[in-house]
């Protein structure tokens, strides 16, 4: 997270860049929410595309649990993780082809961001 990057920068007197990988994608990708959640359809799709042997049974969920949220605010709380039981949406809907497409978009966006950053430094 940003605070770890800031601490490393200060402690070791070097510039540290930080970005959440999902922020490199368009705000609404294939009708999916911008914030991908944890171990759900987005991340499970990426893993299916890259290392399918790591994806075990993908649990179905009738309803997505509510996670406290406000625009541009992240909430970390033990009760939230207990409520979501380790995954925040529907990993059962993961799709290898979508994961490949999203990974390619992420890799291209990160490469572009690194070129921009290098030019700025």
PDB file of N, CA and C in Angstrom:
ATOM      1  N   UNK A   1       0.844  -1.181   0.000  1.00  0.00           N
ATOM      2  CA  UNK A   1       0.000   0.000   0.000  1.00  0.00           C
ATOM      3  C   UNK A   1       0.889   1.242   0.000  1.00  0.00           C
ATOM      4  N   UNK A   2       0.259   2.382  -0.154  1.00  0.00           N
ATOM      5  CA  UNK A   2       1.006   3.630  -0.268  1.00  0.00           C
ATOM      6  C   UNK A   2       1.844   3.902   0.978  1.00  0.00           C
ATOM      7  N   UNK A   3       1.320   3.602   2.158  1.00  0.00           N
ATOM      8  CA  UNK A   3       2.084   3.894   3.374  1.00  0.00           C
ATOM      9  C   UNK A   3       3.374   3.069   3.426  1.00  0.00           C
ATOM     10  N   UNK A   4       3.358   1.835   2.939  1.00  0.00           N
ATOM     11  CA  UNK A   4       4.576   1.018   2.898  1.00  0.00           C
ATOM     12  C   UNK A   4       5.580   1.609   1.914  1.00  0.00           C
ATOM     13  N   UNK A   5       5.098   2.089   0.770  1.00  0.00           N
ATOM     14  CA  UNK A   5       5.990   2.722  -0.210  1.00  0.00           C
ATOM     15  C   UNK A   5       6.611   3.986   0.369  1.00  0.00           C
ATOM     16  N   UNK A   6       5.809   4.785   1.053  1.00  0.00           N
ATOM     17  CA  UNK A   6       6.317   6.021   1.664  1.00  0.00           C
ATOM     18  C   UNK A   6       7.351   5.701   2.743  1.00  0.00           C
ATOM     19  N   UNK A   7       7.090   4.680   3.560  1.00  0.00           N
ATOM     20  CA  UNK A   7       8.034   4.301   4.613  1.00  0.00           C
ATOM     21  C   UNK A   7       9.349   3.802   4.010  1.00  0.00           C
ATOM     22  N   UNK A   8       9.271   2.979   2.973  1.00  0.00           N
ATOM     23  CA  UNK A   8      10.485   2.468   2.327  1.00  0.00           C
ATOM     24  C   UNK A   8      11.287   3.603   1.710  1.00  0.00           C
ATOM     25  N   UNK A   9      10.591   4.541   1.112  1.00  0.00           N
ATOM     26  CA  UNK A   9      11.260   5.686   0.500  1.00  0.00           C
ATOM     27  C   UNK A   9      12.030   6.500   1.537  1.00  0.00           C
ATOM     28  N   UNK A  10      11.393   6.741   2.651  1.00  0.00           N
ATOM     29  CA  UNK A  10      12.024   7.518   3.722  1.00  0.00           C
ATOM     30  C   UNK A  10      13.161   6.740   4.371  1.00  0.00           C
ATOM     31  N   UNK A  11      12.915   5.482   4.663  1.00  0.00           N
ATOM     32  CA  UNK A  11      13.906   4.659   5.367  1.00  0.00           C
ATOM     33  C   UNK A  11      15.163   4.445   4.528  1.00  0.00           C
ATOM     34  N   UNK A  12      14.997   4.273   3.225  1.00  0.00           N
ATOM     35  CA  UNK A  12      16.130   3.926   2.373  1.00  0.00           C
ATOM     36  C   UNK A  12      16.559   5.052   1.435  1.00  0.00           C
ATOM     37  N   UNK A  13      15.963   6.221   1.591  1.00  0.00           N
ATOM     38  CA  UNK A  13      16.313   7.407   0.809  1.00  0.00           C
ATOM     39  C   UNK A  13      16.334   7.118  -0.692  1.00  0.00           C
ATOM     40  N   UNK A  14      15.198   6.572  -1.193  1.00  0.00           N
ATOM     41  CA  UNK A  14      15.090   6.318  -2.623  1.00  0.00           C
ATOM     42  C   UNK A  14      13.639   6.508  -3.054  1.00  0.00           C
ATOM     43  N   UNK A  15      13.452   6.862  -4.302  1.00  0.00           N
ATOM     44  CA  UNK A  15      12.070   7.016  -4.775  1.00  0.00           C
ATOM     45  C   UNK A  15      11.405   5.648  -4.932  1.00  0.00           C
ATOM     46  N   UNK A  16      10.162   5.553  -4.505  1.00  0.00           N
ATOM     47  CA  UNK A  16       9.390   4.320  -4.610  1.00  0.00           C
ATOM     48  C   UNK A  16       8.060   4.660  -5.281  1.00  0.00           C
ATOM     49  N   UNK A  17       7.738   3.944  -6.332  1.00  0.00           N
ATOM     50  CA  UNK A  17       6.463   4.161  -7.027  1.00  0.00           C
ATOM     51  C   UNK A  17       5.469   3.091  -6.585  1.00  0.00           C
ATOM     52  N   UNK A  18       4.207   3.448  -6.528  1.00  0.00           N
ATOM     53  CA  UNK A  18       3.171   2.532  -6.072  1.00  0.00           C
ATOM     54  C   UNK A  18       1.907   2.722  -6.916  1.00  0.00           C
ATOM     55  N   UNK A  19       1.302   1.611  -7.308  1.00  0.00           N
ATOM     56  CA  UNK A  19       0.005   1.666  -7.994  1.00  0.00           C
ATOM     57  C   UNK A  19      -0.741   0.366  -7.692  1.00  0.00           C
ATOM     58  N   UNK A  20      -2.041   0.472  -7.456  1.00  0.00           N
ATOM     59  CA  UNK A  20      -2.865  -0.727  -7.358  1.00  0.00           C
ATOM     60  C   UNK A  20      -3.081  -1.214  -8.782  1.00  0.00           C
ATOM     61  N   UNK A  21      -2.780  -2.476  -9.044  1.00  0.00           N
ATOM     62  CA  UNK A  21      -2.806  -2.964 -10.424  1.00  0.00           C
ATOM     63  C   UNK A  21      -4.166  -2.771 -11.069  1.00  0.00           C
ATOM     64  N   UNK A  22      -5.237  -2.887 -10.322  1.00  0.00           N
ATOM     65  CA  UNK A  22      -6.576  -2.752 -10.909  1.00  0.00           C
ATOM     66  C   UNK A  22      -6.881  -1.323 -11.317  1.00  0.00           C
ATOM     67  N   UNK A  23      -6.162  -0.344 -10.761  1.00  0.00           N
ATOM     68  CA  UNK A  23      -6.371   1.057 -11.161  1.00  0.00           C
ATOM     69  C   UNK A  23      -5.857   1.330 -12.567  1.00  0.00           C
ATOM     70  N   UNK A  24      -5.128   0.399 -13.147  1.00  0.00           N
ATOM     71  CA  UNK A  24      -4.619   0.563 -14.504  1.00  0.00           C
ATOM     72  C   UNK A  24      -5.676   0.238 -15.558  1.00  0.00           C
ATOM     73  N   UNK A  25      -6.781  -0.369 -15.151  1.00  0.00           N
ATOM     74  CA  UNK A  25      -7.839  -0.755 -16.077  1.00  0.00           C
ATOM     75  C   UNK A  25      -8.925   0.313 -16.157  1.00  0.00           C
ATOM     76  N   UNK A  26      -9.708   0.297 -17.234  1.00  0.00           N
ATOM     77  CA  UNK A  26     -10.829   1.248 -17.333  1.00  0.00           C
ATOM     78  C   UNK A  26     -11.780   1.079 -16.145  1.00  0.00           C
ATOM     79  N   UNK A  27     -12.487   2.149 -15.788  1.00  0.00           N
ATOM     80  CA  UNK A  27     -13.368   2.146 -14.620  1.00  0.00           C
ATOM     81  C   UNK A  27     -14.455   1.080 -14.702  1.00  0.00           C
ATOM     82  N   UNK A  28     -14.947   0.771 -15.883  1.00  0.00           N
ATOM     83  CA  UNK A  28     -15.990  -0.249 -16.015  1.00  0.00           C
ATOM     84  C   UNK A  28     -15.558  -1.206 -17.116  1.00  0.00           C
ATOM     85  N   UNK A  29     -14.978  -2.310 -16.711  1.00  0.00           N
ATOM     86  CA  UNK A  29     -14.416  -3.267 -17.654  1.00  0.00           C
ATOM     87  C   UNK A  29     -15.370  -4.437 -17.824  1.00  0.00           C
ATOM     88  N   UNK A  30     -15.912  -4.593 -18.998  1.00  0.00           N
ATOM     89  CA  UNK A  30     -16.832  -5.699 -19.280  1.00  0.00           C
ATOM     90  C   UNK A  30     -17.994  -5.751 -18.298  1.00  0.00           C
ATOM     91  N   UNK A  31     -18.460  -4.581 -17.865  1.00  0.00           N
ATOM     92  CA  UNK A  31     -19.583  -4.549 -16.937  1.00  0.00           C
ATOM     93  C   UNK A  31     -19.223  -4.914 -15.509  1.00  0.00           C
ATOM     94  N   UNK A  32     -17.960  -5.103 -15.240  1.00  0.00           N
ATOM     95  CA  UNK A  32     -17.515  -5.462 -13.891  1.00  0.00           C
ATOM     96  C   UNK A  32     -17.194  -4.180 -13.117  1.00  0.00           C
ATOM     97  N   UNK A  33     -17.352  -4.229 -11.800  1.00  0.00           N
ATOM     98  CA  UNK A  33     -16.992  -3.043 -11.010  1.00  0.00           C
ATOM     99  C   UNK A  33     -15.502  -2.766 -11.101  1.00  0.00           C
ATOM    100  N   UNK A  34     -15.132  -1.512 -10.941  1.00  0.00           N
ATOM    101  CA  UNK A  34     -13.738  -1.095 -11.044  1.00  0.00           C
ATOM    102  C   UNK A  34     -12.887  -1.799  -9.992  1.00  0.00           C
ATOM    103  N   UNK A  35     -13.315  -1.821  -8.747  1.00  0.00           N
ATOM    104  CA  UNK A  35     -12.554  -2.489  -7.704  1.00  0.00           C
ATOM    105  C   UNK A  35     -12.865  -3.977  -7.775  1.00  0.00           C
ATOM    106  N   UNK A  36     -11.876  -4.812  -8.047  1.00  0.00           N
ATOM    107  CA  UNK A  36     -12.158  -6.211  -8.354  1.00  0.00           C
ATOM    108  C   UNK A  36     -12.561  -7.087  -7.180  1.00  0.00           C
ATOM    109  N   UNK A  37     -12.373  -6.659  -5.970  1.00  0.00           N
ATOM    110  CA  UNK A  37     -12.688  -7.529  -4.852  1.00  0.00           C
ATOM    111  C   UNK A  37     -11.556  -8.500  -4.580  1.00  0.00           C
ATOM    112  N   UNK A  38     -11.775  -9.412  -3.650  1.00  0.00           N
ATOM    113  CA  UNK A  38     -10.716 -10.338  -3.248  1.00  0.00           C
ATOM    114  C   UNK A  38     -11.126 -11.774  -3.554  1.00  0.00           C
ATOM    115  N   UNK A  39     -10.299 -12.460  -4.334  1.00  0.00           N
ATOM    116  CA  UNK A  39     -10.480 -13.878  -4.643  1.00  0.00           C
ATOM    117  C   UNK A  39     -11.815 -14.164  -5.311  1.00  0.00           C
ATOM    118  N   UNK A  40     -12.371 -13.172  -5.990  1.00  0.00           N
ATOM    119  CA  UNK A  40     -13.647 -13.346  -6.675  1.00  0.00           C
ATOM    120  C   UNK A  40     -13.450 -13.556  -8.158  1.00  0.00           C
ATOM    121  N   UNK A  41     -14.420 -13.111  -8.934  1.00  0.00           N
ATOM    122  CA  UNK A  41     -14.416 -13.377 -10.369  1.00  0.00           C
ATOM    123  C   UNK A  41     -13.187 -12.773 -11.064  1.00  0.00           C
ATOM    124  N   UNK A  42     -12.810 -11.564 -10.710  1.00  0.00           N
ATOM    125  CA  UNK A  42     -11.702 -10.890 -11.377  1.00  0.00           C
ATOM    126  C   UNK A  42     -10.380 -11.600 -11.101  1.00  0.00           C
ATOM    127  N   UNK A  43     -10.028 -11.738  -9.823  1.00  0.00           N
ATOM    128  CA  UNK A  43      -8.747 -12.363  -9.494  1.00  0.00           C
ATOM    129  C   UNK A  43      -8.723 -13.839  -9.878  1.00  0.00           C
ATOM    130  N   UNK A  44      -9.840 -14.531  -9.701  1.00  0.00           N
ATOM    131  CA  UNK A  44      -9.882 -15.943 -10.101  1.00  0.00           C
ATOM    132  C   UNK A  44      -9.717 -16.096 -11.614  1.00  0.00           C
ATOM    133  N   UNK A  45     -10.268 -15.169 -12.380  1.00  0.00           N
ATOM    134  CA  UNK A  45     -10.102 -15.205 -13.837  1.00  0.00           C
ATOM    135  C   UNK A  45      -8.639 -15.005 -14.216  1.00  0.00           C
ATOM    136  N   UNK A  46      -7.969 -14.063 -13.547  1.00  0.00           N
ATOM    137  CA  UNK A  46      -6.549 -13.838 -13.830  1.00  0.00           C
ATOM    138  C   UNK A  46      -5.730 -15.091 -13.513  1.00  0.00           C
ATOM    139  N   UNK A  47      -5.999 -15.731 -12.390  1.00  0.00           N
ATOM    140  CA  UNK A  47      -5.245 -16.916 -12.022  1.00  0.00           C
ATOM    141  C   UNK A  47      -5.566 -18.073 -12.972  1.00  0.00           C
ATOM    142  N   UNK A  48      -6.830 -18.206 -13.377  1.00  0.00           N
ATOM    143  CA  UNK A  48      -7.177 -19.240 -14.361  1.00  0.00           C
ATOM    144  C   UNK A  48      -6.377 -19.048 -15.647  1.00  0.00           C
ATOM    145  N   UNK A  49      -6.153 -17.806 -16.035  1.00  0.00           N
ATOM    146  CA  UNK A  49      -5.416 -17.509 -17.263  1.00  0.00           C
ATOM    147  C   UNK A  49      -3.926 -17.796 -17.119  1.00  0.00           C
ATOM    148  N   UNK A  50      -3.380 -17.570 -15.929  1.00  0.00           N
ATOM    149  CA  UNK A  50      -1.931 -17.667 -15.746  1.00  0.00           C
ATOM    150  C   UNK A  50      -1.470 -18.976 -15.112  1.00  0.00           C
ATOM    151  N   UNK A  51      -2.200 -19.452 -14.131  1.00  0.00           N
ATOM    152  CA  UNK A  51      -1.813 -20.672 -13.399  1.00  0.00           C
ATOM    153  C   UNK A  51      -3.064 -21.448 -13.005  1.00  0.00           C
ATOM    154  N   UNK A  52      -3.774 -22.031 -13.968  1.00  0.00           N
ATOM    155  CA  UNK A  52      -5.047 -22.685 -13.669  1.00  0.00           C
ATOM    156  C   UNK A  52      -4.953 -23.792 -12.624  1.00  0.00           C
ATOM    157  N   UNK A  53      -3.791 -24.410 -12.487  1.00  0.00           N
ATOM    158  CA  UNK A  53      -3.647 -25.478 -11.499  1.00  0.00           C
ATOM    159  C   UNK A  53      -3.763 -24.971 -10.069  1.00  0.00           C
ATOM    160  N   UNK A  54      -3.657 -23.647  -9.878  1.00  0.00           N
ATOM    161  CA  UNK A  54      -3.778 -23.067  -8.537  1.00  0.00           C
ATOM    162  C   UNK A  54      -5.224 -22.777  -8.142  1.00  0.00           C
ATOM    163  N   UNK A  55      -6.132 -22.879  -9.079  1.00  0.00           N
ATOM    164  CA  UNK A  55      -7.542 -22.579  -8.789  1.00  0.00           C
ATOM    165  C   UNK A  55      -8.240 -23.867  -8.380  1.00  0.00           C
ATOM    166  N   UNK A  56      -8.690 -23.873  -7.140  1.00  0.00           N
ATOM    167  CA  UNK A  56      -9.416 -25.028  -6.623  1.00  0.00           C
ATOM    168  C   UNK A  56     -10.910 -24.820  -6.875  1.00  0.00           C
ATOM    169  N   UNK A  57     -11.735 -25.558  -6.187  1.00  0.00           N
ATOM    170  CA  UNK A  57     -13.176 -25.401  -6.321  1.00  0.00           C
ATOM    171  C   UNK A  57     -13.547 -23.939  -6.081  1.00  0.00           C
ATOM    172  N   UNK A  58     -14.347 -23.419  -6.976  1.00  0.00           N
ATOM    173  CA  UNK A  58     -14.755 -22.021  -6.858  1.00  0.00           C
ATOM    174  C   UNK A  58     -16.158 -21.976  -6.260  1.00  0.00           C
ATOM    175  N   UNK A  59     -16.278 -21.479  -5.035  1.00  0.00           N
ATOM    176  CA  UNK A  59     -17.577 -21.496  -4.364  1.00  0.00           C
ATOM    177  C   UNK A  59     -18.587 -20.564  -5.018  1.00  0.00           C
ATOM    178  N   UNK A  60     -19.837 -21.031  -5.049  1.00  0.00           N
ATOM    179  CA  UNK A  60     -20.938 -20.196  -5.532  1.00  0.00           C
ATOM    180  C   UNK A  60     -21.457 -19.375  -4.353  1.00  0.00           C
ATOM    181  N   UNK A  61     -22.023 -18.257  -4.645  1.00  0.00           N
ATOM    182  CA  UNK A  61     -22.572 -17.399  -3.604  1.00  0.00           C
ATOM    183  C   UNK A  61     -23.853 -16.800  -4.151  1.00  0.00           C
ATOM    184  N   UNK A  62     -24.943 -16.949  -3.430  1.00  0.00           N
ATOM    185  CA  UNK A  62     -26.237 -16.419  -3.887  1.00  0.00           C
ATOM    186  C   UNK A  62     -26.211 -14.892  -3.918  1.00  0.00           C
ATOM    187  N   UNK A  63     -25.683 -14.302  -2.871  1.00  0.00           N
ATOM    188  CA  UNK A  63     -25.627 -12.840  -2.790  1.00  0.00           C
ATOM    189  C   UNK A  63     -24.228 -12.410  -2.400  1.00  0.00           C
ATOM    190  N   UNK A  64     -23.821 -11.289  -2.926  1.00  0.00           N
ATOM    191  CA  UNK A  64     -22.526 -10.744  -2.549  1.00  0.00           C
ATOM    192  C   UNK A  64     -22.679 -10.068  -1.192  1.00  0.00           C
ATOM    193  N   UNK A  65     -21.794 -10.371  -0.235  1.00  0.00           N
ATOM    194  CA  UNK A  65     -21.922  -9.731   1.083  1.00  0.00           C
ATOM    195  C   UNK A  65     -21.651  -8.237   0.992  1.00  0.00           C
ATOM    196  N   UNK A  66     -22.275  -7.510   1.879  1.00  0.00           N
ATOM    197  CA  UNK A  66     -22.051  -6.062   1.911  1.00  0.00           C
ATOM    198  C   UNK A  66     -20.723  -5.767   2.592  1.00  0.00           C
ATOM    199  N   UNK A  67     -19.958  -4.919   1.952  1.00  0.00           N
ATOM    200  CA  UNK A  67     -18.691  -4.466   2.501  1.00  0.00           C
ATOM    201  C   UNK A  67     -18.819  -2.961   2.681  1.00  0.00           C
ATOM    202  N   UNK A  68     -18.572  -2.449   3.893  1.00  0.00           N
ATOM    203  CA  UNK A  68     -18.701  -1.007   4.096  1.00  0.00           C
ATOM    204  C   UNK A  68     -17.821  -0.257   3.106  1.00  0.00           C
ATOM    205  N   UNK A  69     -18.387   0.748   2.479  1.00  0.00           N
ATOM    206  CA  UNK A  69     -17.630   1.485   1.470  1.00  0.00           C
ATOM    207  C   UNK A  69     -18.102   2.923   1.377  1.00  0.00           C
ATOM    208  N   UNK A  70     -17.201   3.756   0.973  1.00  0.00           N
ATOM    209  CA  UNK A  70     -17.474   5.148   0.645  1.00  0.00           C
ATOM    210  C   UNK A  70     -16.535   5.491  -0.504  1.00  0.00           C
ATOM    211  N   UNK A  71     -16.913   6.427  -1.356  1.00  0.00           N
ATOM    212  CA  UNK A  71     -16.046   6.761  -2.500  1.00  0.00           C
ATOM    213  C   UNK A  71     -14.619   7.081  -2.060  1.00  0.00           C
ATOM    214  N   UNK A  72     -13.654   6.436  -2.708  1.00  0.00           N
ATOM    215  CA  UNK A  72     -12.227   6.666  -2.481  1.00  0.00           C
ATOM    216  C   UNK A  72     -11.765   6.373  -1.062  1.00  0.00           C
ATOM    217  N   UNK A  73     -12.476   5.475  -0.362  1.00  0.00           N
ATOM    218  CA  UNK A  73     -12.099   5.092   0.996  1.00  0.00           C
ATOM    219  C   UNK A  73     -12.006   3.577   1.062  1.00  0.00           C
ATOM    220  N   UNK A  74     -10.937   3.071   1.637  1.00  0.00           N
ATOM    221  CA  UNK A  74     -10.787   1.634   1.842  1.00  0.00           C
ATOM    222  C   UNK A  74     -11.050   1.323   3.308  1.00  0.00           C
ATOM    223  N   UNK A  75     -11.740   0.226   3.553  1.00  0.00           N
ATOM    224  CA  UNK A  75     -12.053  -0.180   4.920  1.00  0.00           C
ATOM    225  C   UNK A  75     -11.363  -1.509   5.200  1.00  0.00           C
ATOM    226  N   UNK A  76     -10.616  -1.576   6.282  1.00  0.00           N
ATOM    227  CA  UNK A  76      -9.987  -2.819   6.719  1.00  0.00           C
ATOM    228  C   UNK A  76     -10.491  -3.113   8.121  1.00  0.00           C
ATOM    229  N   UNK A  77     -11.145  -4.251   8.293  1.00  0.00           N
ATOM    230  CA  UNK A  77     -11.665  -4.629   9.602  1.00  0.00           C
ATOM    231  C   UNK A  77     -11.814  -6.141   9.659  1.00  0.00           C
ATOM    232  N   UNK A  78     -11.481  -6.722  10.785  1.00  0.00           N
ATOM    233  CA  UNK A  78     -11.580  -8.172  10.957  1.00  0.00           C
ATOM    234  C   UNK A  78     -13.003  -8.658  10.660  1.00  0.00           C
ATOM    235  N   UNK A  79     -14.007  -7.922  11.104  1.00  0.00           N
ATOM    236  CA  UNK A  79     -15.398  -8.325  10.892  1.00  0.00           C
ATOM    237  C   UNK A  79     -15.757  -8.373   9.408  1.00  0.00           C
ATOM    238  N   UNK A  80     -15.187  -7.476   8.623  1.00  0.00           N
ATOM    239  CA  UNK A  80     -15.454  -7.469   7.180  1.00  0.00           C
ATOM    240  C   UNK A  80     -14.933  -8.756   6.560  1.00  0.00           C
ATOM    241  N   UNK A  81     -13.691  -9.166   6.888  1.00  0.00           N
ATOM    242  CA  UNK A  81     -13.116 -10.386   6.321  1.00  0.00           C
ATOM    243  C   UNK A  81     -13.873 -11.619   6.775  1.00  0.00           C
ATOM    244  N   UNK A  82     -14.329 -11.630   8.021  1.00  0.00           N
ATOM    245  CA  UNK A  82     -15.125 -12.762   8.500  1.00  0.00           C
ATOM    246  C   UNK A  82     -16.443 -12.850   7.739  1.00  0.00           C
ATOM    247  N   UNK A  83     -17.043 -11.711   7.455  1.00  0.00           N
ATOM    248  CA  UNK A  83     -18.330 -11.661   6.746  1.00  0.00           C
ATOM    249  C   UNK A  83     -18.216 -12.166   5.313  1.00  0.00           C
ATOM    250  N   UNK A  84     -17.105 -11.862   4.630  1.00  0.00           N
ATOM    251  CA  UNK A  84     -16.969 -12.268   3.229  1.00  0.00           C
ATOM    252  C   UNK A  84     -16.408 -13.675   3.087  1.00  0.00           C
ATOM    253  N   UNK A  85     -15.937 -14.286   4.174  1.00  0.00           N
ATOM    254  CA  UNK A  85     -15.445 -15.654   4.159  1.00  0.00           C
ATOM    255  C   UNK A  85     -14.313 -15.870   3.156  1.00  0.00           C
ATOM    256  N   UNK A  86     -13.458 -14.856   2.982  1.00  0.00           N
ATOM    257  CA  UNK A  86     -12.267 -15.010   2.157  1.00  0.00           C
ATOM    258  C   UNK A  86     -12.401 -14.593   0.703  1.00  0.00           C
ATOM    259  N   UNK A  87     -13.610 -14.403   0.220  1.00  0.00           N
ATOM    260  CA  UNK A  87     -13.797 -13.942  -1.158  1.00  0.00           C
ATOM    261  C   UNK A  87     -14.989 -12.991  -1.191  1.00  0.00           C
ATOM    262  N   UNK A  88     -14.887 -11.961  -2.010  1.00  0.00           N
ATOM    263  CA  UNK A  88     -15.856 -10.878  -1.921  1.00  0.00           C
ATOM    264  C   UNK A  88     -16.979 -10.920  -2.948  1.00  0.00           C
ATOM    265  N   UNK A  89     -16.854 -11.717  -3.982  1.00  0.00           N
ATOM    266  CA  UNK A  89     -17.949 -11.769  -4.950  1.00  0.00           C
ATOM    267  C   UNK A  89     -18.159 -13.197  -5.419  1.00  0.00           C
ATOM    268  N   UNK A  90     -18.179 -13.457  -6.717  1.00  0.00           N
ATOM    269  CA  UNK A  90     -18.552 -14.778  -7.222  1.00  0.00           C
ATOM    270  C   UNK A  90     -17.422 -15.428  -8.026  1.00  0.00           C
ATOM    271  N   UNK A  91     -16.471 -16.094  -7.351  1.00  0.00           N
ATOM    272  CA  UNK A  91     -15.388 -16.748  -8.088  1.00  0.00           C
ATOM    273  C   UNK A  91     -15.899 -17.827  -9.045  1.00  0.00           C
ATOM    274  N   UNK A  92     -17.078 -18.361  -8.794  1.00  0.00           N
ATOM    275  CA  UNK A  92     -17.644 -19.380  -9.677  1.00  0.00           C
ATOM    276  C   UNK A  92     -17.840 -18.843 -11.099  1.00  0.00           C
ATOM    277  N   UNK A  93     -17.954 -17.519 -11.234  1.00  0.00           N
ATOM    278  CA  UNK A  93     -18.137 -16.900 -12.550  1.00  0.00           C
ATOM    279  C   UNK A  93     -16.817 -16.593 -13.258  1.00  0.00           C
ATOM    280  N   UNK A  94     -15.694 -16.993 -12.676  1.00  0.00           N
ATOM    281  CA  UNK A  94     -14.382 -16.728 -13.280  1.00  0.00           C
ATOM    282  C   UNK A  94     -14.300 -17.358 -14.667  1.00  0.00           C
ATOM    283  N   UNK A  95     -13.566 -16.684 -15.544  1.00  0.00           N
ATOM    284  CA  UNK A  95     -13.472 -17.109 -16.938  1.00  0.00           C
ATOM    285  C   UNK A  95     -12.032 -16.934 -17.416  1.00  0.00           C
ATOM    286  N   UNK A  96     -11.429 -18.014 -17.883  1.00  0.00           N
ATOM    287  CA  UNK A  96     -10.032 -17.980 -18.319  1.00  0.00           C
ATOM    288  C   UNK A  96      -9.808 -16.984 -19.461  1.00  0.00           C
ATOM    289  N   UNK A  97     -10.704 -16.952 -20.445  1.00  0.00           N
ATOM    290  CA  UNK A  97     -10.540 -16.043 -21.585  1.00  0.00           C
ATOM    291  C   UNK A  97     -10.589 -14.582 -21.120  1.00  0.00           C
ATOM    292  N   UNK A  98     -11.507 -14.275 -20.222  1.00  0.00           N
ATOM    293  CA  UNK A  98     -11.576 -12.908 -19.683  1.00  0.00           C
ATOM    294  C   UNK A  98     -10.291 -12.595 -18.917  1.00  0.00           C
ATOM    295  N   UNK A  99      -9.800 -13.559 -18.139  1.00  0.00           N
ATOM    296  CA  UNK A  99      -8.563 -13.352 -17.397  1.00  0.00           C
ATOM    297  C   UNK A  99      -7.385 -13.062 -18.312  1.00  0.00           C
ATOM    298  N   UNK A 100      -7.290 -13.775 -19.439  1.00  0.00           N
ATOM    299  CA  UNK A 100      -6.215 -13.510 -20.409  1.00  0.00           C
ATOM    300  C   UNK A 100      -6.327 -12.106 -20.977  1.00  0.00           C
ATOM    301  N   UNK A 101      -7.542 -11.708 -21.333  1.00  0.00           N
ATOM    302  CA  UNK A 101      -7.756 -10.367 -21.893  1.00  0.00           C
ATOM    303  C   UNK A 101      -7.406  -9.295 -20.864  1.00  0.00           C
ATOM    304  N   UNK A 102      -7.858  -9.486 -19.613  1.00  0.00           N
ATOM    305  CA  UNK A 102      -7.569  -8.505 -18.576  1.00  0.00           C
ATOM    306  C   UNK A 102      -6.080  -8.451 -18.269  1.00  0.00           C
ATOM    307  N   UNK A 103      -5.405  -9.605 -18.259  1.00  0.00           N
ATOM    308  CA  UNK A 103      -3.969  -9.611 -17.994  1.00  0.00           C
ATOM    309  C   UNK A 103      -3.212  -8.854 -19.079  1.00  0.00           C
ATOM    310  N   UNK A 104      -3.588  -9.060 -20.331  1.00  0.00           N
ATOM    311  CA  UNK A 104      -2.930  -8.330 -21.430  1.00  0.00           C
ATOM    312  C   UNK A 104      -3.152  -6.827 -21.287  1.00  0.00           C
ATOM    313  N   UNK A 105      -4.374  -6.427 -20.947  1.00  0.00           N
ATOM    314  CA  UNK A 105      -4.650  -5.002 -20.725  1.00  0.00           C
ATOM    315  C   UNK A 105      -3.817  -4.461 -19.570  1.00  0.00           C
ATOM    316  N   UNK A 106      -3.727  -5.222 -18.487  1.00  0.00           N
ATOM    317  CA  UNK A 106      -2.925  -4.803 -17.333  1.00  0.00           C
ATOM    318  C   UNK A 106      -1.453  -4.675 -17.692  1.00  0.00           C
ATOM    319  N   UNK A 107      -0.907  -5.656 -18.407  1.00  0.00           N
ATOM    320  CA  UNK A 107       0.512  -5.623 -18.781  1.00  0.00           C
ATOM    321  C   UNK A 107       0.807  -4.423 -19.680  1.00  0.00           C
ATOM    322  N   UNK A 108      -0.053  -4.180 -20.649  1.00  0.00           N
ATOM    323  CA  UNK A 108       0.139  -3.027 -21.538  1.00  0.00           C
ATOM    324  C   UNK A 108       0.042  -1.713 -20.771  1.00  0.00           C
ATOM    325  N   UNK A 109      -0.953  -1.617 -19.889  1.00  0.00           N
ATOM    326  CA  UNK A 109      -1.130  -0.379 -19.121  1.00  0.00           C
ATOM    327  C   UNK A 109       0.047  -0.142 -18.182  1.00  0.00           C
ATOM    328  N   UNK A 110       0.546  -1.203 -17.556  1.00  0.00           N
ATOM    329  CA  UNK A 110       1.694  -1.051 -16.667  1.00  0.00           C
ATOM    330  C   UNK A 110       2.935  -0.649 -17.447  1.00  0.00           C
ATOM    331  N   UNK A 111       3.154  -1.239 -18.602  1.00  0.00           N
ATOM    332  CA  UNK A 111       4.304  -0.861 -19.433  1.00  0.00           C
ATOM    333  C   UNK A 111       4.219   0.619 -19.805  1.00  0.00           C
ATOM    334  N   UNK A 112       3.038   1.069 -20.210  1.00  0.00           N
ATOM    335  CA  UNK A 112       2.866   2.485 -20.542  1.00  0.00           C
ATOM    336  C   UNK A 112       3.139   3.372 -19.334  1.00  0.00           C
ATOM    337  N   UNK A 113       2.640   2.943 -18.165  1.00  0.00           N
ATOM    338  CA  UNK A 113       2.842   3.727 -16.946  1.00  0.00           C
ATOM    339  C   UNK A 113       4.314   3.798 -16.576  1.00  0.00           C
ATOM    340  N   UNK A 114       5.052   2.707 -16.754  1.00  0.00           N
ATOM    341  CA  UNK A 114       6.483   2.710 -16.435  1.00  0.00           C
ATOM    342  C   UNK A 114       7.266   3.609 -17.384  1.00  0.00           C
ATOM    343  N   UNK A 115       6.898   3.616 -18.649  1.00  0.00           N
ATOM    344  CA  UNK A 115       7.557   4.513 -19.611  1.00  0.00           C
ATOM    345  C   UNK A 115       7.305   5.973 -19.216  1.00  0.00           C
ATOM    346  N   UNK A 116       6.065   6.279 -18.862  1.00  0.00           N
ATOM    347  CA  UNK A 116       5.716   7.638 -18.424  1.00  0.00           C
ATOM    348  C   UNK A 116       6.485   8.013 -17.174  1.00  0.00           C
ATOM    349  N   UNK A 117       6.550   7.086 -16.222  1.00  0.00           N
ATOM    350  CA  UNK A 117       7.279   7.342 -14.978  1.00  0.00           C
ATOM    351  C   UNK A 117       8.761   7.555 -15.242  1.00  0.00           C
ATOM    352  N   UNK A 118       9.371   6.726 -16.084  1.00  0.00           N
ATOM    353  CA  UNK A 118      10.792   6.874 -16.391  1.00  0.00           C
ATOM    354  C   UNK A 118      11.084   8.215 -17.023  1.00  0.00           C
ATOM    355  N   UNK A 119      10.189   8.670 -17.889  1.00  0.00           N
ATOM    356  CA  UNK A 119      10.383   9.973 -18.532  1.00  0.00           C
ATOM    357  C   UNK A 119      10.261  11.118 -17.513  1.00  0.00           C
ATOM    358  N   UNK A 120       9.433  10.923 -16.493  1.00  0.00           N
ATOM    359  CA  UNK A 120       9.213  11.959 -15.483  1.00  0.00           C
ATOM    360  C   UNK A 120      10.350  12.042 -14.468  1.00  0.00           C
ATOM    361  N   UNK A 121      11.076  10.928 -14.292  1.00  0.00           N
ATOM    362  CA  UNK A 121      12.155  10.910 -13.296  1.00  0.00           C
ATOM    363  C   UNK A 121      13.384  11.456 -13.882  1.00  0.00           C
TER     364      UNK A 121
END
